[in-house]
Amino acid sequence: MTKDEFIQELEVLIRARYGVILINTLEEERALDLLTDLARKLNKRLLTWSCTRGLVMDGNTAVHPDTVDLMTAIAKAEQLAEEPSLFVWLDLQSHLNSSPVYIRRFKELAQEIRERMPSNSIIVGPLMEIPTELQKEVTIIDMPYPDLNELKMIISQFAQQYRDRNDLQIDCSESALDALGRASIGLSKTEIENCLAKSLVQHKRITGEDIDFILEEKKQNIRKSGILEYVDTEKLETADIGGLDNLKKWLEIRKKAYTPEAEQFGIGWPKGVLLVGVPGCGKSLSAKCVAASWKMPLLRLDLGRVFGMYVGSSEANIRLALSMSEAVSPSILWIDEIEKALSGLASSNQSDGGTTSRVFGTILTWMQEKKSPVFVFATANNIGSLPPELLRKGRFDEIFFVDLPNEQERAEIFRIHIKRIGRNPENFDIAKMVKLSGEASLGDGVRLTGSEIEACVNQALLEAFFVRNSEGHPEGDVTSADIERAIVQSVPLSRVRKEDIGYMRTWATDNAVRASLAPESALSSAPESPAMAEVTVGRNIDF
C-alpha cells in the first residue's frame, strides 16, 4: 500500500463513521502529521490524548488537566464528539490491558460515535493485542513506510534548511536525492533525519556519498528487532564460492530481474531458492556471496528466536520479521537450516498448542503472496525433516542439491583457501591434494567437503607456524606436504554419514537441480572412481 492509497483508505473509513480505527505504525509523529492534514481536509477538529498531556486540541491547546486520566478523557470526548472531531489516542494499549473498566468505557464511546456522533476514534501505535470485547469495534489499517517520492521530499526539506551555510556541502540534485532516497527505503522520517544530521556533524555535508550512514541505520533497526540479523557481506564475492557453477549461473540470471529494464519488460520479482545437501559444501557461503554480488542487505532469520514464551508472541514475532524484511527491500532473507526450526511441526498441536504450525503457515502464506522484492534464500541439511508443503512449486523458484565437491571443484576450493592465507597456489601441488581428498584415496563415496578443505589448509598453516617458531627455521613456510598431511589426518564427514548422503542423492535425483555442473571431460576421461556416477544426480539446466 502506498501513502496515497493509505490516506484514501483512511478517509473512507472516517467518512463511513467507523467507531475505532487502529493505525498500525511505529511512526507516531508522521501519523499525526498525516492526520492533521486529513482533519483539515474533512473540516474536523483534531484532538490527541496521551497519558502525560491528556486531551490536547489541534496540537497545542490542553482541554483540561484532569483528562490525563483516561476515564475522564473518555467522558470529555463524549461531550466534544457532538462536533465533527478526530480523537487520536496514544499510549492506549497498557491502559486497556490494565482494567476491564477502561475496555467497557472505550467500547461505549465507540458505539456512541458509530451510532449518532460525527466523529471518530483513532488509535495510533504498533499493532496491539486487541481485547476480545473490542475486536468487533476495531478496524486495523497499516501505515506504510515512506515511498521513494516521499523519501526524496523528506531529504530535500531537511537539506534545504542548510543550503545557505557556506561551511556545509549540500547537494539537492535529482541524482543525489534519488540515490539517498533509494538507500533510505524502509526507514522512518525520524531515522532518515538522524542519518542526515549525523553526516552534517561528521562530514559537513549531505550528498549522495552519505549512503553508508543510511545503511548503518538499517543495520541498527535489524539488530533492535532481536529476530533478524544483518549479515556483513562487504568483503565477499561469488568468486569465493568454489564450484556450484550451475547455481551461480541460475542466480546471475535472477540478479538481472531486479533492474528497471526487467521491470519494464514485465518480469516479476524472483521468489527465492532452497539449497539442500551435504553440510559444509557452501550453502551458507552462497547466501552471503549472492547478497554481496546483488548489492542487497542479507537478513538472517533465526527461527529459534521467533518462538516466545507468551501466547501469541511467536506469531507476532514472525510477522514483525517478515514485515521488516519487506521494509528494507530489495533484500535477501536467509533462513539457515530451516528444517531444524520446523522439526516439531508434525507434533505441534500436542507439544506447543499449534504454535509451530501457525508460524510455519504464516511463512508459507507470505512466501506465496509477497509482493515486495524479498528473495528468500533457505538452506537445509536434513531433507527428511522438510514438510512437503515447503517443497511444492510456488514457494521457491527452484530447489538445488549441493553434493560433495568433484575434482574440479576441490581444485578450485584449494586455490581459494591458499590465496586466502596469502600464498600463491602455483607453488602448491594442487593435483595431489585433489587426489588425496577424493575417492581415489579415501574410498568410494568419500570426499572432503569445502569446509573440511578449509580446515586442512588452516591446520597446515598453524603447524607450519609452530615449526617455524619452535625449531628455529624462520625462513620456513607452509608447503604442499603440510596440507597433504592434514588431509590424511582428517576424518571426512562423508565417511561418517555415508548412508545419509546416499539418501539425499537418491531424493535429489527426482526432486532437485544439481548445483554443480559435471563436465563430460571430468567424468569420461579421468573419473575418480566408479562412485563418481553418484554425483551426477538431479536435473541439469540448459542455459
Protein backbone atom coordinates (compact mmCIF):
# COMPACT_ATOMS: atom_id res chain seq x y z
CA MET A 1 0.00 0.00 0.00
CA THR A 2 1.36 3.41 -0.96
CA LYS A 3 0.99 6.56 1.10
CA ASP A 4 -1.76 7.89 -1.18
CA GLU A 5 -3.65 4.60 -1.00
CA PHE A 6 -3.31 4.62 2.80
CA ILE A 7 -4.72 8.15 3.07
CA GLN A 8 -7.55 7.31 0.68
CA GLU A 9 -8.45 4.17 2.65
CA LEU A 10 -8.28 6.05 5.95
CA GLU A 11 -10.51 8.80 4.61
CA VAL A 12 -13.10 6.22 3.50
CA LEU A 13 -13.13 4.64 6.99
CA ILE A 14 -13.56 8.04 8.62
CA ARG A 15 -16.38 9.08 6.29
CA ALA A 16 -18.06 5.72 6.85
CA ARG A 17 -18.07 6.53 10.58
CA TYR A 18 -16.06 3.53 11.74
CA GLY A 19 -16.07 3.66 15.54
CA VAL A 20 -12.42 2.76 16.21
CA ILE A 21 -9.60 2.76 13.66
CA LEU A 22 -6.22 1.35 14.66
CA ILE A 23 -3.31 2.75 12.62
CA ASN A 24 -0.55 0.17 12.96
CA THR A 25 2.74 2.08 12.95
CA LEU A 26 5.78 2.98 15.00
CA GLU A 27 5.96 6.39 13.30
CA GLU A 28 3.73 8.31 15.68
CA GLU A 29 4.93 11.76 14.60
CA ARG A 30 4.43 11.07 10.90
CA ALA A 31 0.98 9.57 11.54
CA LEU A 32 -0.06 12.70 13.44
CA ASP A 33 1.14 14.89 10.56
CA LEU A 34 -0.96 12.90 8.09
CA LEU A 35 -3.99 13.00 10.40
CA THR A 36 -3.61 16.76 10.85
CA ASP A 37 -3.77 17.26 7.09
CA LEU A 38 -6.71 14.86 6.77
CA ALA A 39 -8.64 16.55 9.59
CA ARG A 40 -8.15 19.88 7.87
CA LYS A 41 -9.41 18.44 4.60
CA LEU A 42 -12.50 16.93 6.26
CA ASN A 43 -13.21 20.06 8.38
CA LYS A 44 -12.83 18.17 11.63
CA ARG A 45 -11.08 19.11 14.85
CA LEU A 46 -8.08 17.03 15.82
CA LEU A 47 -7.80 16.05 19.49
CA THR A 48 -4.96 13.85 20.73
CA TRP A 49 -4.75 12.02 24.04
CA SER A 50 -1.60 10.81 25.78
CA CYS A 51 -1.05 9.64 29.34
CA THR A 52 1.15 12.69 30.06
CA ARG A 53 -0.73 15.58 28.44
CA GLY A 54 -4.31 14.38 28.43
CA LEU A 55 -6.61 15.66 25.68
CA VAL A 56 -4.99 18.33 23.51
CA MET A 57 -6.83 20.17 20.75
CA ASP A 58 -5.08 20.97 17.45
CA GLY A 59 -1.69 20.08 18.84
CA ASN A 60 -1.27 22.82 21.45
CA THR A 61 -4.40 23.61 23.48
CA ALA A 62 -4.96 21.41 26.54
CA VAL A 63 -8.66 20.67 27.01
CA HIS A 64 -8.41 20.14 30.77
CA PRO A 65 -5.60 18.87 33.04
CA ASP A 66 -7.87 16.22 34.54
CA THR A 67 -8.11 14.45 31.16
CA VAL A 68 -4.74 12.85 31.85
CA ASP A 69 -6.94 10.22 33.49
CA LEU A 70 -8.33 8.00 30.73
CA MET A 71 -11.82 7.71 32.24
CA THR A 72 -12.10 11.48 32.47
CA ALA A 73 -10.76 11.84 28.93
CA ILE A 74 -13.36 9.43 27.52
CA ALA A 75 -16.15 11.29 29.32
CA LYS A 76 -14.89 14.60 27.91
CA ALA A 77 -14.55 13.08 24.44
CA GLU A 78 -18.23 12.06 24.57
CA GLN A 79 -19.14 15.70 25.11
CA LEU A 80 -16.83 17.05 22.40
CA ALA A 81 -17.81 14.38 19.88
CA GLU A 82 -21.06 16.22 19.16
CA GLU A 83 -18.98 18.41 16.83
CA PRO A 84 -17.04 16.79 13.95
CA SER A 85 -13.77 15.63 15.51
CA LEU A 86 -10.99 13.11 15.18
CA PHE A 87 -9.92 11.70 18.55
CA VAL A 88 -6.41 10.28 18.31
CA TRP A 89 -5.46 8.00 21.21
CA LEU A 90 -1.79 7.41 22.04
CA ASP A 91 -0.37 5.15 24.76
CA LEU A 92 -3.68 3.31 24.92
CA GLN A 93 -2.61 -0.33 24.96
CA SER A 94 -1.28 -0.52 28.52
CA HIS A 95 -4.40 1.19 29.86
CA LEU A 96 -6.85 -1.10 28.09
CA ASN A 97 -4.97 -4.16 29.28
CA SER A 98 -4.89 -2.97 32.87
CA SER A 99 -8.61 -2.89 33.63
CA PRO A 100 -11.89 -4.16 32.12
CA VAL A 101 -13.46 -0.84 33.15
CA TYR A 102 -11.34 1.00 30.55
CA ILE A 103 -12.33 -1.52 27.91
CA ARG A 104 -16.03 -1.06 28.66
CA ARG A 105 -15.89 2.76 28.62
CA PHE A 106 -13.89 2.85 25.40
CA LYS A 107 -16.37 0.43 23.80
CA GLU A 108 -19.28 2.65 24.85
CA LEU A 109 -17.55 5.67 23.29
CA ALA A 110 -17.02 3.73 20.05
CA GLN A 111 -20.67 2.68 19.93
CA GLU A 112 -21.93 6.21 20.53
CA ILE A 113 -19.67 7.60 17.82
CA ARG A 114 -20.82 4.98 15.36
CA GLU A 115 -24.50 5.46 16.07
CA ARG A 116 -25.00 9.21 16.41
CA MET A 117 -21.85 11.37 16.51
CA PRO A 118 -19.96 12.94 13.56
CA SER A 119 -16.59 11.93 14.99
CA ASN A 120 -14.09 9.07 15.01
CA SER A 121 -11.70 7.43 17.47
CA ILE A 122 -8.27 6.60 16.04
CA ILE A 123 -5.63 4.59 17.91
CA VAL A 124 -2.04 5.22 16.75
CA GLY A 125 0.70 2.79 17.67
CA PRO A 126 2.14 -0.66 16.96
CA LEU A 127 -0.32 -3.47 16.47
CA MET A 128 -1.51 -4.50 19.89
CA GLU A 129 -3.37 -7.49 21.23
CA ILE A 130 -6.90 -6.19 20.95
CA PRO A 131 -9.15 -7.16 23.88
CA THR A 132 -11.80 -9.63 22.83
CA GLU A 133 -14.57 -7.22 23.85
CA LEU A 134 -13.29 -4.61 21.37
CA GLN A 135 -12.43 -6.80 18.40
CA LYS A 136 -15.75 -6.15 16.63
CA GLU A 137 -15.34 -2.40 17.09
CA VAL A 138 -11.74 -2.02 15.84
CA THR A 139 -10.64 -1.80 12.20
CA ILE A 140 -6.89 -2.14 11.57
CA ILE A 141 -5.03 -0.29 8.83
CA ASP A 142 -1.27 -0.50 8.33
CA MET A 143 0.55 2.75 7.66
CA PRO A 144 3.24 2.11 5.04
CA TYR A 145 6.80 3.31 5.28
CA PRO A 146 7.57 6.39 3.15
CA ASP A 147 7.81 5.54 -0.55
CA LEU A 148 10.58 6.82 -2.81
CA ASN A 149 8.87 10.11 -3.67
CA GLU A 150 8.09 10.88 -0.03
CA LEU A 151 11.62 9.95 0.99
CA LYS A 152 13.10 12.33 -1.56
CA MET A 153 10.80 15.07 -0.28
CA ILE A 154 11.83 14.40 3.35
CA ILE A 155 15.52 14.53 2.42
CA SER A 156 15.08 17.65 0.31
CA GLN A 157 13.16 19.51 3.03
CA PHE A 158 15.78 18.64 5.62
CA ALA A 159 18.69 19.62 3.37
CA GLN A 160 17.08 22.91 2.29
CA GLN A 161 17.42 24.20 5.85
CA TYR A 162 21.22 24.24 5.44
CA ARG A 163 21.72 25.34 1.84
CA ASP A 164 22.80 28.85 2.82
CA ARG A 165 25.58 27.60 5.10
CA ASN A 166 28.93 28.19 3.41
CA ASP A 167 30.70 25.68 5.65
CA LEU A 168 28.43 22.83 4.54
CA GLN A 169 28.25 20.89 1.28
CA ILE A 170 24.59 20.41 0.37
CA ASP A 171 23.65 18.56 -2.83
CA CYS A 172 19.94 18.63 -3.64
CA SER A 173 20.32 17.48 -7.24
CA GLU A 174 17.88 14.88 -8.57
CA SER A 175 20.61 12.23 -8.77
CA ALA A 176 21.68 12.78 -5.14
CA LEU A 177 18.09 12.75 -3.86
CA ASP A 178 17.35 9.59 -5.86
CA ALA A 179 20.43 7.78 -4.51
CA LEU A 180 19.72 8.78 -0.91
CA GLY A 181 16.02 8.05 -1.28
CA ARG A 182 16.54 4.54 -2.64
CA ALA A 183 19.02 3.77 0.13
CA SER A 184 16.51 5.06 2.72
CA ILE A 185 13.65 2.73 1.77
CA GLY A 186 12.46 1.05 4.95
CA LEU A 187 13.45 3.87 7.32
CA SER A 188 11.13 6.24 9.12
CA LYS A 189 11.21 10.00 8.72
CA THR A 190 12.96 10.42 12.08
CA GLU A 191 15.58 7.80 11.25
CA ILE A 192 16.37 9.44 7.92
CA GLU A 193 16.73 12.86 9.51
CA ASN A 194 19.02 11.34 12.15
CA CYS A 195 21.26 9.92 9.41
CA LEU A 196 21.43 13.26 7.60
CA ALA A 197 22.15 15.11 10.84
CA LYS A 198 24.96 12.66 11.63
CA SER A 199 26.50 13.29 8.22
CA LEU A 200 26.35 17.05 8.80
CA VAL A 201 28.13 16.70 12.12
CA GLN A 202 30.81 14.28 10.96
CA HIS A 203 31.45 15.28 7.36
CA LYS A 204 29.78 18.69 6.98
CA ARG A 205 27.75 17.51 4.02
CA ILE A 206 24.54 15.98 2.66
CA THR A 207 25.39 14.32 -0.65
CA GLY A 208 24.91 11.04 -2.49
CA GLU A 209 28.03 9.78 -0.71
CA ASP A 210 26.18 9.50 2.60
CA ILE A 211 24.58 6.15 1.81
CA ASP A 212 26.86 4.42 4.36
CA PHE A 213 25.16 6.32 7.21
CA ILE A 214 21.78 5.14 5.96
CA LEU A 215 22.86 1.52 5.64
CA GLU A 216 24.26 1.64 9.17
CA GLU A 217 20.89 2.90 10.43
CA LYS A 218 19.22 -0.05 8.73
CA LYS A 219 21.62 -2.38 10.48
CA GLN A 220 20.69 -0.81 13.81
CA ASN A 221 16.99 -1.38 13.10
CA ILE A 222 17.62 -5.02 12.29
CA ARG A 223 19.64 -5.51 15.48
CA LYS A 224 16.95 -3.89 17.61
CA SER A 225 14.35 -6.37 16.37
CA GLY A 226 16.22 -9.23 18.09
CA ILE A 227 14.89 -11.68 15.47
CA LEU A 228 16.72 -10.72 12.30
CA GLU A 229 20.49 -10.43 11.98
CA TYR A 230 22.11 -8.09 9.46
CA VAL A 231 24.95 -10.14 7.94
CA ASP A 232 28.01 -8.25 6.73
CA THR A 233 28.97 -9.31 3.18
CA GLU A 234 31.23 -6.41 2.31
CA LYS A 235 34.40 -8.42 1.54
CA LEU A 236 32.75 -11.32 -0.28
CA GLU A 237 32.11 -12.08 -3.95
CA THR A 238 30.85 -15.03 -5.98
CA ALA A 239 34.45 -15.95 -6.82
CA ASP A 240 34.78 -17.03 -3.18
CA ILE A 241 32.48 -19.98 -3.92
CA GLY A 242 34.36 -22.99 -5.24
CA GLY A 243 32.30 -24.82 -7.84
CA LEU A 244 28.45 -24.78 -7.84
CA ASP A 245 28.57 -23.32 -11.36
CA ASN A 246 25.00 -24.35 -12.18
CA LEU A 247 23.71 -22.48 -9.15
CA LYS A 248 25.89 -19.45 -9.94
CA LYS A 249 24.51 -19.20 -13.48
CA TRP A 250 20.94 -19.51 -12.24
CA LEU A 251 21.46 -16.76 -9.65
CA GLU A 252 23.18 -14.49 -12.17
CA ILE A 253 20.07 -14.60 -14.35
CA ARG A 254 17.82 -13.79 -11.35
CA LYS A 255 20.04 -10.84 -10.46
CA LYS A 256 19.01 -9.13 -13.70
CA ALA A 257 15.34 -9.39 -12.69
CA TYR A 258 15.90 -6.53 -10.22
CA THR A 259 16.87 -3.99 -12.89
CA PRO A 260 14.47 -1.26 -14.10
CA GLU A 261 14.71 -2.74 -17.59
CA ALA A 262 13.43 -6.10 -16.35
CA GLU A 263 10.54 -4.40 -14.58
CA GLN A 264 9.59 -2.53 -17.75
CA PHE A 265 9.80 -5.81 -19.66
CA GLY A 266 7.17 -7.26 -17.33
CA ILE A 267 9.38 -9.59 -15.27
CA GLY A 268 8.23 -10.16 -11.69
CA TRP A 269 10.39 -10.44 -8.60
CA PRO A 270 12.03 -13.85 -8.06
CA LYS A 271 10.60 -15.70 -5.06
CA GLY A 272 13.71 -17.47 -3.81
CA VAL A 273 15.74 -20.65 -3.77
CA LEU A 274 16.13 -23.65 -1.47
CA LEU A 275 19.54 -25.32 -1.18
CA VAL A 276 19.58 -28.84 0.26
CA GLY A 277 22.55 -31.12 0.61
CA VAL A 278 25.68 -32.11 2.44
CA PRO A 279 26.76 -29.88 5.35
CA GLY A 280 29.94 -27.88 4.75
CA CYS A 281 29.63 -27.71 0.97
CA GLY A 282 28.96 -23.98 0.56
CA LYS A 283 25.24 -23.43 1.08
CA SER A 284 25.60 -20.70 3.72
CA LEU A 285 28.57 -19.14 1.92
CA SER A 286 26.46 -18.96 -1.24
CA ALA A 287 23.83 -16.86 0.56
CA LYS A 288 26.48 -14.38 1.70
CA CYS A 289 28.19 -14.15 -1.69
CA VAL A 290 24.91 -13.70 -3.55
CA ALA A 291 23.95 -10.79 -1.30
CA ALA A 292 27.35 -9.21 -1.94
CA SER A 293 27.05 -9.72 -5.69
CA TRP A 294 23.50 -8.37 -5.84
CA LYS A 295 24.40 -5.49 -3.51
CA MET A 296 21.42 -6.22 -1.28
CA PRO A 297 21.19 -6.44 2.51
CA LEU A 298 21.35 -10.01 3.80
CA LEU A 299 18.99 -10.61 6.71
CA ARG A 300 19.39 -13.87 8.60
CA LEU A 301 16.16 -15.10 10.18
CA ASP A 302 16.80 -17.10 13.33
CA LEU A 303 13.60 -19.09 13.70
CA GLY A 304 14.69 -20.14 17.18
CA ARG A 305 14.30 -16.54 18.34
CA VAL A 306 10.83 -16.32 16.84
CA PHE A 307 9.26 -18.63 19.40
CA GLY A 308 8.39 -16.67 22.52
CA MET A 309 7.14 -17.75 25.92
CA TYR A 310 3.83 -15.85 25.77
CA VAL A 311 0.73 -16.88 23.86
CA GLY A 312 0.61 -15.09 20.52
CA SER A 313 4.14 -13.67 20.77
CA SER A 314 5.63 -16.18 18.29
CA GLU A 315 3.12 -15.27 15.60
CA ALA A 316 3.71 -11.57 16.25
CA ASN A 317 7.48 -12.08 16.06
CA ILE A 318 7.37 -13.77 12.66
CA ARG A 319 5.05 -11.09 11.27
CA LEU A 320 7.46 -8.42 12.54
CA ALA A 321 10.45 -10.17 10.95
CA LEU A 322 8.73 -10.58 7.60
CA SER A 323 7.45 -7.00 7.54
CA MET A 324 10.93 -5.74 8.43
CA SER A 325 12.48 -7.69 5.58
CA GLU A 326 9.94 -6.09 3.26
CA ALA A 327 10.63 -2.65 4.70
CA VAL A 328 14.32 -2.77 3.71
CA SER A 329 13.66 -4.46 0.36
CA PRO A 330 15.04 -5.22 -2.10
CA SER A 331 16.70 -7.63 0.30
CA ILE A 332 17.66 -11.28 0.76
CA LEU A 333 16.06 -13.17 3.64
CA TRP A 334 18.34 -16.03 4.66
CA ILE A 335 16.74 -18.89 6.58
CA ASP A 336 19.62 -21.18 7.53
CA GLU A 337 18.96 -24.85 8.37
CA ILE A 338 15.24 -24.32 8.09
CA GLU A 339 14.48 -27.97 8.88
CA LYS A 340 15.71 -27.60 12.49
CA ALA A 341 13.15 -24.95 13.37
CA LEU A 342 10.35 -26.96 11.74
CA SER A 343 11.35 -30.33 13.19
CA GLY A 344 8.44 -30.34 15.64
CA LEU A 345 5.83 -29.48 13.05
CA ALA A 346 4.17 -32.91 12.94
CA SER A 347 3.53 -32.95 16.71
CA SER A 348 2.96 -29.22 17.08
CA ASN A 349 -0.66 -29.45 18.18
CA GLN A 350 0.28 -31.73 21.06
CA SER A 351 3.60 -30.19 22.10
CA ASP A 352 3.10 -26.43 21.78
CA GLY A 353 -0.56 -25.85 21.15
CA GLY A 354 -0.04 -25.49 17.41
CA THR A 355 2.36 -22.52 17.62
CA THR A 356 4.92 -24.08 15.25
CA SER A 357 2.17 -24.88 12.74
CA ARG A 358 0.85 -21.33 12.82
CA VAL A 359 4.32 -19.81 12.43
CA PHE A 360 5.05 -22.16 9.54
CA GLY A 361 1.70 -21.32 7.95
CA THR A 362 2.47 -17.60 8.20
CA ILE A 363 5.81 -18.14 6.45
CA LEU A 364 4.25 -20.24 3.68
CA THR A 365 1.46 -17.76 3.02
CA TRP A 366 3.90 -14.86 2.92
CA MET A 367 6.25 -16.70 0.55
CA GLN A 368 3.36 -17.43 -1.79
CA GLU A 369 1.76 -13.98 -1.78
CA LYS A 370 4.53 -11.47 -1.04
CA LYS A 371 4.66 -8.51 -3.40
CA SER A 372 7.88 -6.91 -2.18
CA PRO A 373 11.28 -7.77 -3.73
CA VAL A 374 12.44 -10.05 -0.92
CA PHE A 375 14.44 -13.02 -2.18
CA VAL A 376 14.21 -15.99 0.20
CA PHE A 377 17.45 -17.98 0.43
CA ALA A 378 16.78 -21.10 2.51
CA THR A 379 19.20 -23.92 3.30
CA ALA A 380 18.61 -27.39 4.70
CA ASN A 381 20.81 -30.37 5.59
CA ASN A 382 18.17 -32.94 6.54
CA ILE A 383 15.74 -33.49 3.68
CA GLY A 384 13.60 -35.92 5.66
CA SER A 385 12.59 -33.19 8.11
CA LEU A 386 11.27 -30.82 5.43
CA PRO A 387 7.46 -30.66 5.24
CA PRO A 388 6.08 -31.33 1.72
CA GLU A 389 4.21 -28.01 1.72
CA LEU A 390 7.55 -26.21 1.68
CA LEU A 391 8.84 -28.10 -1.34
CA ARG A 392 5.99 -27.62 -3.78
CA LYS A 393 6.33 -25.24 -6.70
CA GLY A 394 5.36 -21.66 -5.95
CA ARG A 395 7.21 -21.41 -2.64
CA PHE A 396 10.64 -21.29 -4.28
CA ASP A 397 11.64 -20.69 -7.86
CA GLU A 398 13.94 -23.71 -7.69
CA ILE A 399 15.40 -26.34 -5.37
CA PHE A 400 19.11 -27.14 -5.74
CA PHE A 401 21.05 -30.10 -4.41
CA VAL A 402 24.59 -29.37 -3.19
CA ASP A 403 26.72 -32.51 -3.31
CA LEU A 404 30.28 -33.24 -2.24
CA PRO A 405 32.70 -31.28 -4.47
CA ASN A 406 34.09 -33.11 -7.51
CA GLU A 407 37.71 -32.97 -8.70
CA GLN A 408 37.50 -29.63 -10.45
CA GLU A 409 35.60 -28.04 -7.58
CA ARG A 410 38.05 -29.29 -4.97
CA ALA A 411 40.93 -27.89 -7.00
CA GLU A 412 39.16 -24.53 -7.10
CA ILE A 413 38.45 -24.65 -3.36
CA PHE A 414 42.08 -25.42 -2.55
CA ARG A 415 43.19 -22.43 -4.67
CA ILE A 416 40.68 -20.13 -2.96
CA HIS A 417 41.85 -21.02 0.55
CA ILE A 418 45.53 -20.95 -0.31
CA LYS A 419 45.05 -17.45 -1.72
CA ARG A 420 43.12 -16.53 1.42
CA ILE A 421 46.15 -17.25 3.60
CA GLY A 422 48.31 -15.06 1.37
CA ARG A 423 50.14 -17.78 -0.58
CA ASN A 424 50.44 -18.43 -4.31
CA PRO A 425 48.52 -21.58 -5.37
CA GLU A 426 51.03 -22.09 -8.19
CA ASN A 427 53.60 -23.06 -5.56
CA PHE A 428 51.49 -25.97 -4.33
CA ASP A 429 50.75 -29.39 -5.79
CA ILE A 430 47.00 -28.90 -6.21
CA ALA A 431 46.61 -32.09 -8.26
CA LYS A 432 47.99 -34.27 -5.46
CA MET A 433 45.80 -32.54 -2.86
CA VAL A 434 42.74 -33.17 -5.03
CA LYS A 435 43.63 -36.86 -5.32
CA LEU A 436 44.23 -37.24 -1.57
CA SER A 437 40.93 -35.50 -0.74
CA GLY A 438 38.85 -37.69 -3.06
CA GLU A 439 37.64 -41.23 -3.51
CA ALA A 440 40.89 -42.46 -5.04
CA SER A 441 42.45 -42.15 -1.57
CA LEU A 442 39.54 -42.09 0.86
CA GLY A 443 37.29 -44.80 -0.60
CA ASP A 444 34.12 -44.98 -2.65
CA GLY A 445 31.70 -42.13 -2.00
CA VAL A 446 34.07 -40.39 0.43
CA ARG A 447 35.41 -36.90 -0.29
CA LEU A 448 36.28 -33.83 1.72
CA THR A 449 33.73 -31.04 1.88
CA GLY A 450 34.63 -27.42 1.23
CA SER A 451 34.72 -26.63 4.95
CA GLU A 452 36.98 -29.64 5.58
CA ILE A 453 39.37 -28.42 2.90
CA GLU A 454 39.45 -25.03 4.58
CA ALA A 455 40.16 -26.72 7.93
CA CYS A 456 43.05 -28.68 6.40
CA VAL A 457 44.63 -25.52 4.97
CA ASN A 458 44.25 -23.75 8.32
CA GLN A 459 45.71 -26.75 10.19
CA ALA A 460 48.71 -26.85 7.85
CA LEU A 461 49.30 -23.13 8.29
CA LEU A 462 49.17 -23.44 12.07
CA GLU A 463 51.58 -26.37 12.19
CA ALA A 464 54.00 -24.64 9.79
CA PHE A 465 53.96 -21.59 12.04
CA PHE A 466 54.63 -23.75 15.10
CA VAL A 467 57.61 -25.46 13.45
CA ARG A 468 58.97 -22.14 12.22
CA ASN A 469 58.97 -20.68 15.74
CA SER A 470 59.91 -23.73 17.81
CA GLU A 471 62.64 -25.29 15.71
CA GLY A 472 64.47 -22.15 14.63
CA HIS A 473 63.58 -22.13 10.92
CA PRO A 474 62.43 -18.52 10.36
CA GLU A 475 62.69 -18.99 6.60
CA GLY A 476 60.27 -21.93 6.62
CA ASP A 477 56.74 -21.65 5.25
CA VAL A 478 53.66 -23.77 4.74
CA THR A 479 54.10 -26.32 1.95
CA SER A 480 52.09 -28.83 0.00
CA ALA A 481 53.37 -31.56 2.32
CA ASP A 482 51.84 -29.74 5.32
CA ILE A 483 48.41 -29.60 3.67
CA GLU A 484 48.68 -33.20 2.44
CA ARG A 485 49.47 -34.37 5.99
CA ALA A 486 46.42 -32.52 7.32
CA ILE A 487 44.25 -34.18 4.66
CA VAL A 488 45.45 -37.66 5.60
CA GLN A 489 44.78 -36.99 9.30
CA SER A 490 41.22 -35.73 8.77
CA VAL A 491 38.08 -37.82 9.26
CA PRO A 492 35.67 -36.90 6.44
CA LEU A 493 32.02 -36.26 7.22
CA SER A 494 31.08 -38.23 4.09
CA ARG A 495 32.53 -41.36 5.72
CA VAL A 496 30.66 -40.86 9.00
CA ARG A 497 27.35 -40.02 7.29
CA LYS A 498 27.67 -42.12 4.17
CA GLU A 499 24.14 -43.54 4.37
CA ASP A 500 22.56 -40.11 4.94
CA ILE A 501 24.37 -38.66 1.94
CA GLY A 502 23.27 -41.62 -0.18
CA TYR A 503 19.66 -40.98 0.80
CA MET A 504 19.97 -37.30 -0.10
CA ARG A 505 21.39 -38.16 -3.52
CA THR A 506 18.54 -40.57 -4.19
CA TRP A 507 15.97 -37.95 -3.19
CA ALA A 508 17.63 -35.25 -5.29
CA THR A 509 17.50 -37.38 -8.45
CA ASP A 510 13.83 -36.53 -8.99
CA ASN A 511 13.29 -33.53 -6.74
CA ALA A 512 16.14 -31.05 -7.21
CA VAL A 513 18.50 -29.44 -9.69
CA ARG A 514 22.20 -30.21 -9.41
CA ALA A 515 24.08 -27.14 -8.11
CA SER A 516 27.31 -28.28 -9.74
CA LEU A 517 28.00 -28.71 -13.42
CA ALA A 518 29.67 -32.04 -14.07
CA PRO A 519 31.82 -31.55 -17.19
CA GLU A 520 31.78 -34.51 -19.57
CA SER A 521 35.57 -34.49 -19.74
CA ALA A 522 35.89 -34.83 -16.00
CA LEU A 523 33.58 -37.82 -15.93
CA SER A 524 34.69 -39.66 -19.05
CA SER A 525 38.44 -39.14 -19.21
CA ALA A 526 39.61 -39.28 -15.61
CA PRO A 527 36.95 -40.37 -13.14
CA GLU A 528 37.99 -40.55 -9.50
CA SER A 529 36.25 -43.86 -9.05
CA PRO A 530 33.11 -45.69 -10.20
CA ALA A 531 31.28 -43.99 -7.34
CA MET A 532 31.62 -40.67 -9.20
CA ALA A 533 28.46 -41.65 -11.05
CA GLU A 534 26.57 -40.97 -7.85
CA VAL A 535 27.50 -37.29 -8.11
CA THR A 536 25.56 -36.68 -11.30
CA VAL A 537 22.20 -36.57 -9.59
CA GLY A 538 19.44 -34.08 -10.17
CA ARG A 539 18.19 -32.33 -13.28
CA ASN A 540 20.53 -30.04 -15.17
CA ILE A 541 19.55 -26.75 -16.77
CA ASP A 542 20.41 -25.80 -20.33
CA PHE A 543 21.28 -22.13 -20.11
